[in-house]
């Protein structure tokens, strides 16, 4: 199963790292080509509570085409002050 996360901000990346850690193939849709290139080249670095860290690799793109095998998650966070 593939999960496509549209929105690779802090919440989308954190969610993607946990899904990836559980063995799910995660694809990220980002707004800018430079962000896609950085994620594809370096992945996402998560630091755990105990000070250890993990790096997660995602397939990132600026374009998304729905296929029948993927579940799509759209992440939008609105901050209310």
PDB file of N, CA and C in Angstrom:
ATOM      1  N   UNK A   1       0.834  -1.170   0.000  1.00  0.00           N
ATOM      2  CA  UNK A   1       0.000   0.000   0.000  1.00  0.00           C
ATOM      3  C   UNK A   1       0.884   1.239   0.000  1.00  0.00           C
ATOM      4  N   UNK A   2       0.485   2.231  -0.765  1.00  0.00           N
ATOM      5  CA  UNK A   2       1.174   3.515  -0.804  1.00  0.00           C
ATOM      6  C   UNK A   2       0.288   4.567  -0.158  1.00  0.00           C
ATOM      7  N   UNK A   3       0.911   5.459   0.578  1.00  0.00           N
ATOM      8  CA  UNK A   3       0.220   6.623   1.128  1.00  0.00           C
ATOM      9  C   UNK A   3       0.825   7.851   0.454  1.00  0.00           C
ATOM     10  N   UNK A   4      -0.016   8.700  -0.079  1.00  0.00           N
ATOM     11  CA  UNK A   4       0.427   9.958  -0.677  1.00  0.00           C
ATOM     12  C   UNK A   4       0.016  11.074   0.282  1.00  0.00           C
ATOM     13  N   UNK A   5       0.992  11.844   0.740  1.00  0.00           N
ATOM     14  CA  UNK A   5       0.722  12.968   1.626  1.00  0.00           C
ATOM     15  C   UNK A   5       0.899  14.253   0.830  1.00  0.00           C
ATOM     16  N   UNK A   6      -0.188  14.989   0.707  1.00  0.00           N
ATOM     17  CA  UNK A   6      -0.160  16.275   0.013  1.00  0.00           C
ATOM     18  C   UNK A   6       0.016  17.340   1.084  1.00  0.00           C
ATOM     19  N   UNK A   7       1.200  17.906   1.136  1.00  0.00           N
ATOM     20  CA  UNK A   7       1.518  18.892   2.158  1.00  0.00           C
ATOM     21  C   UNK A   7       2.640  18.375   3.039  1.00  0.00           C
ATOM     22  N   UNK A   8       3.867  18.725   2.703  1.00  0.00           N
ATOM     23  CA  UNK A   8       5.032  18.209   3.420  1.00  0.00           C
ATOM     24  C   UNK A   8       5.597  19.267   4.358  1.00  0.00           C
ATOM     25  N   UNK A   9       4.708  19.850   5.151  1.00  0.00           N
ATOM     26  CA  UNK A   9       5.160  20.741   6.216  1.00  0.00           C
ATOM     27  C   UNK A   9       5.543  19.898   7.426  1.00  0.00           C
ATOM     28  N   UNK A  10       5.604  20.514   8.572  1.00  0.00           N
ATOM     29  CA  UNK A  10       6.054  19.790   9.772  1.00  0.00           C
ATOM     30  C   UNK A  10       5.133  18.625  10.115  1.00  0.00           C
ATOM     31  N   UNK A  11       3.823  18.819  10.016  1.00  0.00           N
ATOM     32  CA  UNK A  11       2.879  17.742  10.360  1.00  0.00           C
ATOM     33  C   UNK A  11       2.928  16.630   9.317  1.00  0.00           C
ATOM     34  N   UNK A  12       2.928  16.995   8.037  1.00  0.00           N
ATOM     35  CA  UNK A  12       2.982  15.979   6.978  1.00  0.00           C
ATOM     36  C   UNK A  12       4.250  15.156   7.029  1.00  0.00           C
ATOM     37  N   UNK A  13       5.387  15.811   7.270  1.00  0.00           N
ATOM     38  CA  UNK A  13       6.656  15.083   7.351  1.00  0.00           C
ATOM     39  C   UNK A  13       6.704  14.166   8.570  1.00  0.00           C
ATOM     40  N   UNK A  14       6.205  14.644   9.700  1.00  0.00           N
ATOM     41  CA  UNK A  14       6.195  13.807  10.900  1.00  0.00           C
ATOM     42  C   UNK A  14       5.284  12.604  10.707  1.00  0.00           C
ATOM     43  N   UNK A  15       4.090  12.823  10.177  1.00  0.00           N
ATOM     44  CA  UNK A  15       3.180  11.715   9.881  1.00  0.00           C
ATOM     45  C   UNK A  15       3.824  10.737   8.905  1.00  0.00           C
ATOM     46  N   UNK A  16       4.435  11.265   7.856  1.00  0.00           N
ATOM     47  CA  UNK A  16       5.102  10.417   6.873  1.00  0.00           C
ATOM     48  C   UNK A  16       6.225   9.587   7.479  1.00  0.00           C
ATOM     49  N   UNK A  17       6.963  10.166   8.424  1.00  0.00           N
ATOM     50  CA  UNK A  17       8.063   9.413   9.040  1.00  0.00           C
ATOM     51  C   UNK A  17       7.537   8.233   9.857  1.00  0.00           C
ATOM     52  N   UNK A  18       6.438   8.439  10.578  1.00  0.00           N
ATOM     53  CA  UNK A  18       5.864   7.332  11.358  1.00  0.00           C
ATOM     54  C   UNK A  18       5.271   6.254  10.456  1.00  0.00           C
ATOM     55  N   UNK A  19       4.611   6.664   9.379  1.00  0.00           N
ATOM     56  CA  UNK A  19       4.076   5.680   8.437  1.00  0.00           C
ATOM     57  C   UNK A  19       5.202   4.899   7.780  1.00  0.00           C
ATOM     58  N   UNK A  20       6.249   5.598   7.368  1.00  0.00           N
ATOM     59  CA  UNK A  20       7.406   4.952   6.750  1.00  0.00           C
ATOM     60  C   UNK A  20       8.074   3.981   7.714  1.00  0.00           C
ATOM     61  N   UNK A  21       8.172   4.385   8.966  1.00  0.00           N
ATOM     62  CA  UNK A  21       8.782   3.538   9.995  1.00  0.00           C
ATOM     63  C   UNK A  21       8.001   2.236  10.183  1.00  0.00           C
ATOM     64  N   UNK A  22       6.687   2.285   9.932  1.00  0.00           N
ATOM     65  CA  UNK A  22       5.869   1.091  10.085  1.00  0.00           C
ATOM     66  C   UNK A  22       5.851   0.225   8.813  1.00  0.00           C
ATOM     67  N   UNK A  23       6.632   0.634   7.800  1.00  0.00           N
ATOM     68  CA  UNK A  23       6.768  -0.190   6.602  1.00  0.00           C
ATOM     69  C   UNK A  23       5.907   0.229   5.428  1.00  0.00           C
ATOM     70  N   UNK A  24       5.218   1.333   5.532  1.00  0.00           N
ATOM     71  CA  UNK A  24       4.361   1.815   4.456  1.00  0.00           C
ATOM     72  C   UNK A  24       5.176   2.692   3.513  1.00  0.00           C
ATOM     73  N   UNK A  25       4.967   2.516   2.216  1.00  0.00           N
ATOM     74  CA  UNK A  25       5.642   3.335   1.210  1.00  0.00           C
ATOM     75  C   UNK A  25       4.956   4.700   1.157  1.00  0.00           C
ATOM     76  N   UNK A  26       5.701   5.766   1.452  1.00  0.00           N
ATOM     77  CA  UNK A  26       5.143   7.118   1.531  1.00  0.00           C
ATOM     78  C   UNK A  26       5.653   7.963   0.371  1.00  0.00           C
ATOM     79  N   UNK A  27       4.728   8.644  -0.275  1.00  0.00           N
ATOM     80  CA  UNK A  27       5.064   9.613  -1.318  1.00  0.00           C
ATOM     81  C   UNK A  27       4.602  10.979  -0.836  1.00  0.00           C
ATOM     82  N   UNK A  28       5.417  12.009  -1.069  1.00  0.00           N
ATOM     83  CA  UNK A  28       5.103  13.372  -0.655  1.00  0.00           C
ATOM     84  C   UNK A  28       4.865  14.255  -1.873  1.00  0.00           C
ATOM     85  N   UNK A  29       3.834  15.074  -1.812  1.00  0.00           N
ATOM     86  CA  UNK A  29       3.598  16.094  -2.834  1.00  0.00           C
ATOM     87  C   UNK A  29       3.906  17.433  -2.181  1.00  0.00           C
ATOM     88  N   UNK A  30       4.861  18.142  -2.756  1.00  0.00           N
ATOM     89  CA  UNK A  30       5.313  19.419  -2.197  1.00  0.00           C
ATOM     90  C   UNK A  30       5.050  20.538  -3.198  1.00  0.00           C
ATOM     91  N   UNK A  31       5.128  21.758  -2.725  1.00  0.00           N
ATOM     92  CA  UNK A  31       4.825  22.918  -3.549  1.00  0.00           C
ATOM     93  C   UNK A  31       5.975  23.295  -4.478  1.00  0.00           C
ATOM     94  N   UNK A  32       7.196  23.196  -3.996  1.00  0.00           N
ATOM     95  CA  UNK A  32       8.358  23.704  -4.747  1.00  0.00           C
ATOM     96  C   UNK A  32       9.285  22.566  -5.187  1.00  0.00           C
ATOM     97  N   UNK A  33       9.817  22.725  -6.373  1.00  0.00           N
ATOM     98  CA  UNK A  33      10.754  21.737  -6.921  1.00  0.00           C
ATOM     99  C   UNK A  33      11.991  21.586  -6.028  1.00  0.00           C
ATOM    100  N   UNK A  34      12.466  22.683  -5.441  1.00  0.00           N
ATOM    101  CA  UNK A  34      13.650  22.607  -4.572  1.00  0.00           C
ATOM    102  C   UNK A  34      13.365  21.752  -3.338  1.00  0.00           C
ATOM    103  N   UNK A  35      12.152  21.843  -2.781  1.00  0.00           N
ATOM    104  CA  UNK A  35      11.787  21.004  -1.637  1.00  0.00           C
ATOM    105  C   UNK A  35      11.735  19.526  -2.035  1.00  0.00           C
ATOM    106  N   UNK A  36      11.191  19.256  -3.203  1.00  0.00           N
ATOM    107  CA  UNK A  36      11.141  17.872  -3.686  1.00  0.00           C
ATOM    108  C   UNK A  36      12.547  17.318  -3.860  1.00  0.00           C
ATOM    109  N   UNK A  37      13.428  18.122  -4.438  1.00  0.00           N
ATOM    110  CA  UNK A  37      14.804  17.681  -4.655  1.00  0.00           C
ATOM    111  C   UNK A  37      15.513  17.410  -3.325  1.00  0.00           C
ATOM    112  N   UNK A  38      15.321  18.294  -2.334  1.00  0.00           N
ATOM    113  CA  UNK A  38      15.951  18.105  -1.020  1.00  0.00           C
ATOM    114  C   UNK A  38      15.443  16.828  -0.337  1.00  0.00           C
ATOM    115  N   UNK A  39      14.129  16.614  -0.376  1.00  0.00           N
ATOM    116  CA  UNK A  39      13.588  15.394   0.230  1.00  0.00           C
ATOM    117  C   UNK A  39      14.083  14.143  -0.486  1.00  0.00           C
ATOM    118  N   UNK A  40      14.119  14.187  -1.811  1.00  0.00           N
ATOM    119  CA  UNK A  40      14.596  13.029  -2.574  1.00  0.00           C
ATOM    120  C   UNK A  40      16.075  12.750  -2.306  1.00  0.00           C
ATOM    121  N   UNK A  41      16.871  13.796  -2.156  1.00  0.00           N
ATOM    122  CA  UNK A  41      18.316  13.617  -1.956  1.00  0.00           C
ATOM    123  C   UNK A  41      18.690  13.276  -0.522  1.00  0.00           C
ATOM    124  N   UNK A  42      18.046  13.928   0.444  1.00  0.00           N
ATOM    125  CA  UNK A  42      18.489  13.806   1.840  1.00  0.00           C
ATOM    126  C   UNK A  42      17.479  13.163   2.778  1.00  0.00           C
ATOM    127  N   UNK A  43      16.229  13.081   2.380  1.00  0.00           N
ATOM    128  CA  UNK A  43      15.224  12.496   3.249  1.00  0.00           C
ATOM    129  C   UNK A  43      14.846  13.427   4.386  1.00  0.00           C
ATOM    130  N   UNK A  44      14.206  12.864   5.392  1.00  0.00           N
ATOM    131  CA  UNK A  44      13.724  13.616   6.552  1.00  0.00           C
ATOM    132  C   UNK A  44      14.415  13.080   7.792  1.00  0.00           C
ATOM    133  N   UNK A  45      14.929  13.962   8.602  1.00  0.00           N
ATOM    134  CA  UNK A  45      15.689  13.606   9.804  1.00  0.00           C
ATOM    135  C   UNK A  45      14.808  13.861  11.021  1.00  0.00           C
ATOM    136  N   UNK A  46      14.527  12.786  11.799  1.00  0.00           N
ATOM    137  CA  UNK A  46      13.691  12.923  12.997  1.00  0.00           C
ATOM    138  C   UNK A  46      14.509  12.586  14.226  1.00  0.00           C
ATOM    139  N   UNK A  47      14.488  13.461  15.225  1.00  0.00           N
ATOM    140  CA  UNK A  47      15.190  13.226  16.484  1.00  0.00           C
ATOM    141  C   UNK A  47      14.167  12.747  17.508  1.00  0.00           C
ATOM    142  N   UNK A  48      14.493  11.641  18.186  1.00  0.00           N
ATOM    143  CA  UNK A  48      13.584  11.029  19.156  1.00  0.00           C
ATOM    144  C   UNK A  48      13.779  11.639  20.543  1.00  0.00           C
ATOM    145  N   UNK A  49      12.839  11.358  21.435  1.00  0.00           N
ATOM    146  CA  UNK A  49      12.892  11.892  22.801  1.00  0.00           C
ATOM    147  C   UNK A  49      14.167  11.500  23.540  1.00  0.00           C
ATOM    148  N   UNK A  50      14.706  10.323  23.243  1.00  0.00           N
ATOM    149  CA  UNK A  50      15.902   9.841  23.948  1.00  0.00           C
ATOM    150  C   UNK A  50      17.203  10.379  23.342  1.00  0.00           C
ATOM    151  N   UNK A  51      17.089  11.234  22.332  1.00  0.00           N
ATOM    152  CA  UNK A  51      18.267  11.822  21.702  1.00  0.00           C
ATOM    153  C   UNK A  51      18.757  11.069  20.472  1.00  0.00           C
ATOM    154  N   UNK A  52      18.271   9.848  20.257  1.00  0.00           N
ATOM    155  CA  UNK A  52      18.644   9.115  19.047  1.00  0.00           C
ATOM    156  C   UNK A  52      17.922   9.735  17.852  1.00  0.00           C
ATOM    157  N   UNK A  53      18.331   9.356  16.661  1.00  0.00           N
ATOM    158  CA  UNK A  53      17.711   9.944  15.483  1.00  0.00           C
ATOM    159  C   UNK A  53      17.521   8.911  14.394  1.00  0.00           C
ATOM    160  N   UNK A  54      16.659   9.238  13.450  1.00  0.00           N
ATOM    161  CA  UNK A  54      16.366   8.380  12.301  1.00  0.00           C
ATOM    162  C   UNK A  54      16.237   9.248  11.065  1.00  0.00           C
ATOM    163  N   UNK A  55      16.573   8.667   9.918  1.00  0.00           N
ATOM    164  CA  UNK A  55      16.403   9.365   8.644  1.00  0.00           C
ATOM    165  C   UNK A  55      15.435   8.539   7.799  1.00  0.00           C
ATOM    166  N   UNK A  56      14.485   9.230   7.185  1.00  0.00           N
ATOM    167  CA  UNK A  56      13.456   8.573   6.390  1.00  0.00           C
ATOM    168  C   UNK A  56      13.512   9.099   4.974  1.00  0.00           C
ATOM    169  N   UNK A  57      13.387   8.186   4.028  1.00  0.00           N
ATOM    170  CA  UNK A  57      13.410   8.545   2.605  1.00  0.00           C
ATOM    171  C   UNK A  57      11.993   8.489   2.057  1.00  0.00           C
ATOM    172  N   UNK A  58      11.618   9.531   1.341  1.00  0.00           N
ATOM    173  CA  UNK A  58      10.324   9.593   0.686  1.00  0.00           C
ATOM    174  C   UNK A  58      10.541   9.873  -0.790  1.00  0.00           C
ATOM    175  N   UNK A  59       9.604   9.432  -1.600  1.00  0.00           N
ATOM    176  CA  UNK A  59       9.574   9.875  -2.987  1.00  0.00           C
ATOM    177  C   UNK A  59       8.790  11.178  -2.993  1.00  0.00           C
ATOM    178  N   UNK A  60       9.416  12.276  -3.381  1.00  0.00           N
ATOM    179  CA  UNK A  60       8.766  13.586  -3.357  1.00  0.00           C
ATOM    180  C   UNK A  60       8.632  14.143  -4.771  1.00  0.00           C
ATOM    181  N   UNK A  61       7.530  14.815  -5.008  1.00  0.00           N
ATOM    182  CA  UNK A  61       7.257  15.393  -6.314  1.00  0.00           C
ATOM    183  C   UNK A  61       6.401  16.648  -6.146  1.00  0.00           C
ATOM    184  N   UNK A  62       6.336  17.455  -7.175  1.00  0.00           N
ATOM    185  CA  UNK A  62       5.449  18.608  -7.162  1.00  0.00           C
ATOM    186  C   UNK A  62       4.154  18.311  -7.920  1.00  0.00           C
ATOM    187  N   UNK A  63       4.092  17.155  -8.534  1.00  0.00           N
ATOM    188  CA  UNK A  63       2.935  16.782  -9.346  1.00  0.00           C
ATOM    189  C   UNK A  63       2.377  15.471  -8.836  1.00  0.00           C
ATOM    190  N   UNK A  64       1.074  15.383  -8.745  1.00  0.00           N
ATOM    191  CA  UNK A  64       0.465  14.140  -8.276  1.00  0.00           C
ATOM    192  C   UNK A  64      -0.618  13.694  -9.225  1.00  0.00           C
ATOM    193  N   UNK A  65      -0.554  12.419  -9.565  1.00  0.00           N
ATOM    194  CA  UNK A  65      -1.597  11.812 -10.372  1.00  0.00           C
ATOM    195  C   UNK A  65      -2.140  10.627  -9.585  1.00  0.00           C
ATOM    196  N   UNK A  66      -3.418  10.656  -9.277  1.00  0.00           N
ATOM    197  CA  UNK A  66      -4.055   9.616  -8.469  1.00  0.00           C
ATOM    198  C   UNK A  66      -4.014   8.279  -9.199  1.00  0.00           C
ATOM    199  N   UNK A  67      -3.663   7.234  -8.457  1.00  0.00           N
ATOM    200  CA  UNK A  67      -3.825   5.889  -8.980  1.00  0.00           C
ATOM    201  C   UNK A  67      -4.707   5.120  -8.009  1.00  0.00           C
ATOM    202  N   UNK A  68      -5.198   3.971  -8.425  1.00  0.00           N
ATOM    203  CA  UNK A  68      -6.174   3.232  -7.620  1.00  0.00           C
ATOM    204  C   UNK A  68      -5.558   2.498  -6.439  1.00  0.00           C
ATOM    205  N   UNK A  69      -4.230   2.451  -6.346  1.00  0.00           N
ATOM    206  CA  UNK A  69      -3.579   1.714  -5.272  1.00  0.00           C
ATOM    207  C   UNK A  69      -3.130   2.612  -4.116  1.00  0.00           C
ATOM    208  N   UNK A  70      -3.279   3.897  -4.252  1.00  0.00           N
ATOM    209  CA  UNK A  70      -2.763   4.824  -3.248  1.00  0.00           C
ATOM    210  C   UNK A  70      -3.887   5.421  -2.410  1.00  0.00           C
ATOM    211  N   UNK A  71      -3.580   5.639  -1.149  1.00  0.00           N
ATOM    212  CA  UNK A  71      -4.456   6.385  -0.253  1.00  0.00           C
ATOM    213  C   UNK A  71      -3.871   7.783  -0.149  1.00  0.00           C
ATOM    214  N   UNK A  72      -4.701   8.789  -0.283  1.00  0.00           N
ATOM    215  CA  UNK A  72      -4.229  10.173  -0.295  1.00  0.00           C
ATOM    216  C   UNK A  72      -4.626  10.867   1.008  1.00  0.00           C
ATOM    217  N   UNK A  73      -3.649  11.513   1.642  1.00  0.00           N
ATOM    218  CA  UNK A  73      -3.881  12.312   2.851  1.00  0.00           C
ATOM    219  C   UNK A  73      -3.508  13.748   2.529  1.00  0.00           C
ATOM    220  N   UNK A  74      -4.445  14.655   2.722  1.00  0.00           N
ATOM    221  CA  UNK A  74      -4.162  16.069   2.524  1.00  0.00           C
ATOM    222  C   UNK A  74      -3.986  16.691   3.902  1.00  0.00           C
ATOM    223  N   UNK A  75      -2.819  17.283   4.143  1.00  0.00           N
ATOM    224  CA  UNK A  75      -2.486  17.855   5.441  1.00  0.00           C
ATOM    225  C   UNK A  75      -2.531  19.369   5.336  1.00  0.00           C
ATOM    226  N   UNK A  76      -3.393  19.974   6.138  1.00  0.00           N
ATOM    227  CA  UNK A  76      -3.436  21.433   6.226  1.00  0.00           C
ATOM    228  C   UNK A  76      -3.578  21.792   7.696  1.00  0.00           C
ATOM    229  N   UNK A  77      -2.707  22.638   8.163  1.00  0.00           N
ATOM    230  CA  UNK A  77      -2.736  23.070   9.560  1.00  0.00           C
ATOM    231  C   UNK A  77      -3.015  24.557   9.596  1.00  0.00           C
ATOM    232  N   UNK A  78      -4.021  24.925  10.349  1.00  0.00           N
ATOM    233  CA  UNK A  78      -4.355  26.326  10.515  1.00  0.00           C
ATOM    234  C   UNK A  78      -4.068  26.705  11.967  1.00  0.00           C
ATOM    235  N   UNK A  79      -3.256  27.699  12.148  1.00  0.00           N
ATOM    236  CA  UNK A  79      -2.936  28.168  13.495  1.00  0.00           C
ATOM    237  C   UNK A  79      -3.887  29.282  13.885  1.00  0.00           C
ATOM    238  N   UNK A  80      -4.506  29.127  15.031  1.00  0.00           N
ATOM    239  CA  UNK A  80      -5.409  30.142  15.557  1.00  0.00           C
ATOM    240  C   UNK A  80      -4.742  30.802  16.740  1.00  0.00           C
ATOM    241  N   UNK A  81      -4.584  32.079  16.682  1.00  0.00           N
ATOM    242  CA  UNK A  81      -3.937  32.795  17.776  1.00  0.00           C
ATOM    243  C   UNK A  81      -4.959  33.487  18.624  1.00  0.00           C
TER     244      UNK A  81
END
